Amino acid sequence: MAETGADKATVVIKKYANRRLYNTATSSYVTLDHLCQMVKDGVEFAVYDAKSGEDITRSVLTQIIVEEEAKGQNLLPINFLRQLISFYGDNLQFLLPRYLEQSMESFALNQEQMRKYLKDSLGGMFPFGRFEELGKQNMAFLEQAMRMWNPFKPPADRAAGNAGSAAASSSESLDALKAQMDALQRQLDSLTKQKKEG
């Protein structure tokens, strides 16, 4: 049975100048492949630079993704990568991490159902209909989340007529943005809870 919550201790990995990774829990050197397997096994770990003590977990996880993609796994479509890059420096950049996190959580909740469909399909036939249905559910979930952000982009005719009053209403816009983000968070939490219970 998998450990959860406080039962899971975060394993500390130290990265040395020679690029070697040292697992302090097992007192042994490990590779990116080992760390990849730890992720798949649900083992929590954090990677620190051995000299500076800086947390470099994000860059190491990114490196694992690059390595897996180089092996031909190709989970990240080209258009997705282009769109992701275009968000760096964008004024909506701060919203994207939480949005992607919620989207992946939603996908993960459907993961076991997808596996069951594959297992139950006859002769290994791909169950297009069932996956299409799951895809539509996920798209509905994502579209509902995106609709919450529509006020960030007012219609062109309204935007043209209100250019002068935009500065005066910036405080109200920030309040509205916060309220919409709170509403979005409540909706996402509610949908996630419903999928877990279902």
Protein backbone atom coordinates (compact mmCIF):
# COMPACT_ATOMS: atom_id res chain seq x y z
CA MET A 1 0.00 0.00 0.00
CA ALA A 2 1.36 3.42 -0.96
CA GLU A 3 2.27 5.83 1.77
CA THR A 4 0.49 9.14 1.84
CA GLY A 5 0.83 12.57 3.38
CA ALA A 6 3.05 12.82 6.42
CA ASP A 7 4.05 9.13 6.10
CA LYS A 8 6.14 10.03 3.07
CA ALA A 9 9.56 11.46 3.90
CA THR A 10 11.14 13.60 1.20
CA VAL A 11 14.36 11.99 0.01
CA VAL A 12 17.26 14.42 -0.27
CA ILE A 13 19.39 14.17 -3.40
CA LYS A 14 22.62 16.12 -3.61
CA LYS A 15 24.08 17.17 -6.93
CA TYR A 16 27.83 17.62 -7.04
CA ALA A 17 29.98 19.74 -9.35
CA ASN A 18 30.89 16.64 -11.38
CA ARG A 19 27.13 16.30 -12.07
CA ARG A 20 26.87 13.16 -9.96
CA LEU A 21 23.67 12.74 -7.98
CA TYR A 22 23.86 11.31 -4.46
CA ASN A 23 20.83 9.79 -2.72
CA THR A 24 21.29 10.51 1.00
CA ALA A 25 18.58 7.98 1.95
CA THR A 26 20.38 5.04 0.36
CA SER A 27 23.93 6.47 0.60
CA SER A 28 24.49 5.74 -3.08
CA TYR A 29 24.97 7.58 -6.35
CA VAL A 30 21.99 7.60 -8.69
CA THR A 31 21.26 8.60 -12.27
CA LEU A 32 18.47 10.58 -13.88
CA ASP A 33 16.91 7.22 -14.80
CA HIS A 34 16.79 6.34 -11.09
CA LEU A 35 15.11 9.67 -10.31
CA CYS A 36 12.65 9.11 -13.16
CA GLN A 37 11.69 5.75 -11.65
CA MET A 38 11.33 7.36 -8.21
CA VAL A 39 8.83 9.83 -9.70
CA LYS A 40 6.87 6.98 -11.28
CA ASP A 41 6.91 5.12 -7.96
CA GLY A 42 5.53 8.18 -6.16
CA VAL A 43 8.69 8.77 -4.11
CA GLU A 44 9.01 12.41 -3.09
CA PHE A 45 12.49 13.86 -3.44
CA ALA A 46 14.22 17.21 -3.51
CA VAL A 47 17.52 17.93 -5.24
CA TYR A 48 20.01 20.38 -3.75
CA ASP A 49 23.26 21.73 -5.09
CA ALA A 50 25.88 20.16 -2.82
CA LYS A 51 28.02 23.30 -2.73
CA SER A 52 25.50 26.16 -2.49
CA GLY A 53 22.58 24.28 -0.91
CA GLU A 54 20.25 25.75 -3.56
CA ASP A 55 17.09 23.78 -4.34
CA ILE A 56 17.47 22.69 -7.97
CA THR A 57 14.61 20.16 -8.04
CA ARG A 58 12.73 21.99 -10.80
CA SER A 59 15.72 22.06 -13.17
CA VAL A 60 16.50 18.37 -12.52
CA LEU A 61 12.88 17.35 -13.17
CA THR A 62 12.98 19.41 -16.36
CA GLN A 63 16.18 17.62 -17.32
CA ILE A 64 14.46 14.25 -16.78
CA ILE A 65 11.67 15.35 -19.16
CA VAL A 66 14.25 16.40 -21.77
CA GLU A 67 15.99 13.02 -21.43
CA GLU A 68 12.73 11.10 -21.78
CA GLU A 69 11.73 13.15 -24.83
CA ALA A 70 15.17 12.45 -26.35
CA LYS A 71 14.49 8.71 -25.96
CA GLY A 72 11.49 9.08 -28.26
CA GLN A 73 8.71 9.21 -25.65
CA ASN A 74 7.36 12.47 -27.14
CA LEU A 75 4.64 13.29 -24.62
CA LEU A 76 4.91 17.02 -25.28
CA PRO A 77 3.46 18.11 -28.63
CA ILE A 78 5.39 20.77 -30.58
CA ASN A 79 2.49 23.25 -30.44
CA PHE A 80 2.21 22.81 -26.67
CA LEU A 81 5.93 23.53 -26.27
CA ARG A 82 5.64 26.65 -28.46
CA GLN A 83 2.64 27.90 -26.47
CA LEU A 84 4.38 27.17 -23.18
CA ILE A 85 7.47 29.12 -24.26
CA SER A 86 5.31 32.05 -25.39
CA PHE A 87 3.90 32.40 -21.85
CA TYR A 88 7.32 33.23 -20.36
CA GLY A 89 7.23 36.96 -19.61
CA ASP A 90 3.51 37.21 -20.43
CA ASN A 91 1.34 39.08 -17.91
CA LEU A 92 -0.76 35.90 -17.43
CA GLN A 93 2.30 33.79 -16.69
CA PHE A 94 1.43 33.58 -12.98
CA LEU A 95 -1.89 31.84 -13.77
CA LEU A 96 -0.48 29.09 -15.96
CA PRO A 97 1.29 26.87 -13.37
CA ARG A 98 -1.88 26.36 -11.27
CA TYR A 99 -3.97 25.84 -14.42
CA LEU A 100 -1.59 23.17 -15.73
CA GLU A 101 -1.41 21.54 -12.31
CA GLN A 102 -5.22 21.30 -12.08
CA SER A 103 -5.41 19.96 -15.65
CA MET A 104 -2.87 17.22 -14.88
CA GLU A 105 -4.69 16.33 -11.65
CA SER A 106 -7.92 15.97 -13.62
CA PHE A 107 -6.19 13.77 -16.20
CA ALA A 108 -4.63 11.64 -13.46
CA LEU A 109 -8.06 11.04 -11.91
CA ASN A 110 -9.18 9.53 -15.23
CA GLN A 111 -6.00 7.48 -15.60
CA GLU A 112 -7.25 4.29 -13.94
CA GLN A 113 -10.50 4.45 -15.90
CA MET A 114 -8.46 4.71 -19.12
CA ARG A 115 -6.34 1.71 -18.11
CA LYS A 116 -9.51 -0.29 -17.43
CA TYR A 117 -10.89 0.58 -20.87
CA LEU A 118 -7.67 -0.65 -22.48
CA LYS A 119 -7.69 -3.86 -20.46
CA ASP A 120 -11.35 -4.58 -21.21
CA SER A 121 -11.11 -3.86 -24.93
CA LEU A 122 -11.23 -6.97 -27.09
CA GLY A 123 -8.10 -8.16 -28.85
CA GLY A 124 -6.17 -5.06 -27.76
CA MET A 125 -8.38 -2.89 -29.95
CA PHE A 126 -8.06 0.77 -29.06
CA PRO A 127 -11.32 2.00 -27.47
CA PHE A 128 -11.67 5.20 -29.48
CA GLY A 129 -15.24 5.90 -28.37
CA ARG A 130 -14.50 5.71 -24.66
CA PHE A 131 -11.34 7.81 -24.94
CA GLU A 132 -13.23 10.35 -27.02
CA GLU A 133 -15.81 10.56 -24.23
CA LEU A 134 -13.09 11.06 -21.60
CA GLY A 135 -11.42 13.62 -23.85
CA LYS A 136 -14.68 15.55 -24.12
CA GLN A 137 -15.05 15.52 -20.33
CA ASN A 138 -11.53 16.84 -19.90
CA MET A 139 -12.06 19.49 -22.59
CA ALA A 140 -15.30 20.59 -20.92
CA PHE A 141 -13.40 20.90 -17.66
CA LEU A 142 -10.65 22.96 -19.30
CA GLU A 143 -13.08 25.14 -21.26
CA GLN A 144 -15.02 25.89 -18.10
CA ALA A 145 -11.78 26.98 -16.45
CA MET A 146 -10.83 29.11 -19.46
CA ARG A 147 -14.23 30.83 -19.50
CA MET A 148 -13.40 32.21 -16.09
CA TRP A 149 -10.51 34.08 -17.68
CA ASN A 150 -12.45 35.67 -20.54
CA PRO A 151 -12.82 39.03 -18.74
CA PHE A 152 -9.06 39.49 -19.17
CA LYS A 153 -9.65 39.99 -22.89
CA PRO A 154 -12.58 42.40 -23.41
CA PRO A 155 -14.29 42.47 -26.85
CA ALA A 156 -12.55 44.75 -29.34
CA ASP A 157 -15.45 47.24 -29.61
CA ARG A 158 -15.69 47.63 -25.84
CA ALA A 159 -11.92 47.89 -25.45
CA ALA A 160 -11.68 50.65 -28.09
CA GLY A 161 -14.35 52.78 -26.42
CA ASN A 162 -12.96 52.37 -22.91
CA ALA A 163 -9.28 53.09 -23.47
CA GLY A 164 -9.47 56.34 -21.47
CA SER A 165 -11.24 54.86 -18.47
CA ALA A 166 -8.98 51.80 -18.19
CA ALA A 167 -6.52 53.45 -15.82
CA ALA A 168 -9.28 54.72 -13.52
CA SER A 169 -10.81 51.27 -13.18
CA SER A 170 -7.57 49.33 -12.66
CA SER A 171 -8.27 48.87 -8.96
CA GLU A 172 -11.73 47.49 -9.73
CA SER A 173 -10.23 45.21 -12.37
CA LEU A 174 -7.78 43.76 -9.85
CA ASP A 175 -10.60 43.13 -7.39
CA ALA A 176 -12.65 41.48 -10.14
CA LEU A 177 -9.64 39.39 -11.16
CA LYS A 178 -9.12 38.19 -7.59
CA ALA A 179 -12.82 37.32 -7.24
CA GLN A 180 -12.77 35.39 -10.53
CA MET A 181 -9.61 33.53 -9.55
CA ASP A 182 -11.19 32.58 -6.23
CA ALA A 183 -14.32 31.39 -8.06
CA LEU A 184 -12.18 29.40 -10.51
CA GLN A 185 -10.29 27.77 -7.64
CA ARG A 186 -13.57 26.79 -5.96
CA GLN A 187 -14.87 25.31 -9.23
CA LEU A 188 -11.66 23.37 -9.85
CA ASP A 189 -11.63 22.04 -6.29
CA SER A 190 -15.29 21.04 -6.62
CA LEU A 191 -14.72 19.25 -9.95
CA THR A 192 -11.65 17.47 -8.60
CA LYS A 193 -13.59 16.37 -5.52
CA GLN A 194 -16.51 15.12 -7.67
CA LYS A 195 -14.17 13.06 -9.87
CA LYS A 196 -12.47 11.55 -6.80
CA GLU A 197 -15.83 10.61 -5.29
CA GLY A 198 -17.14 9.30 -8.62
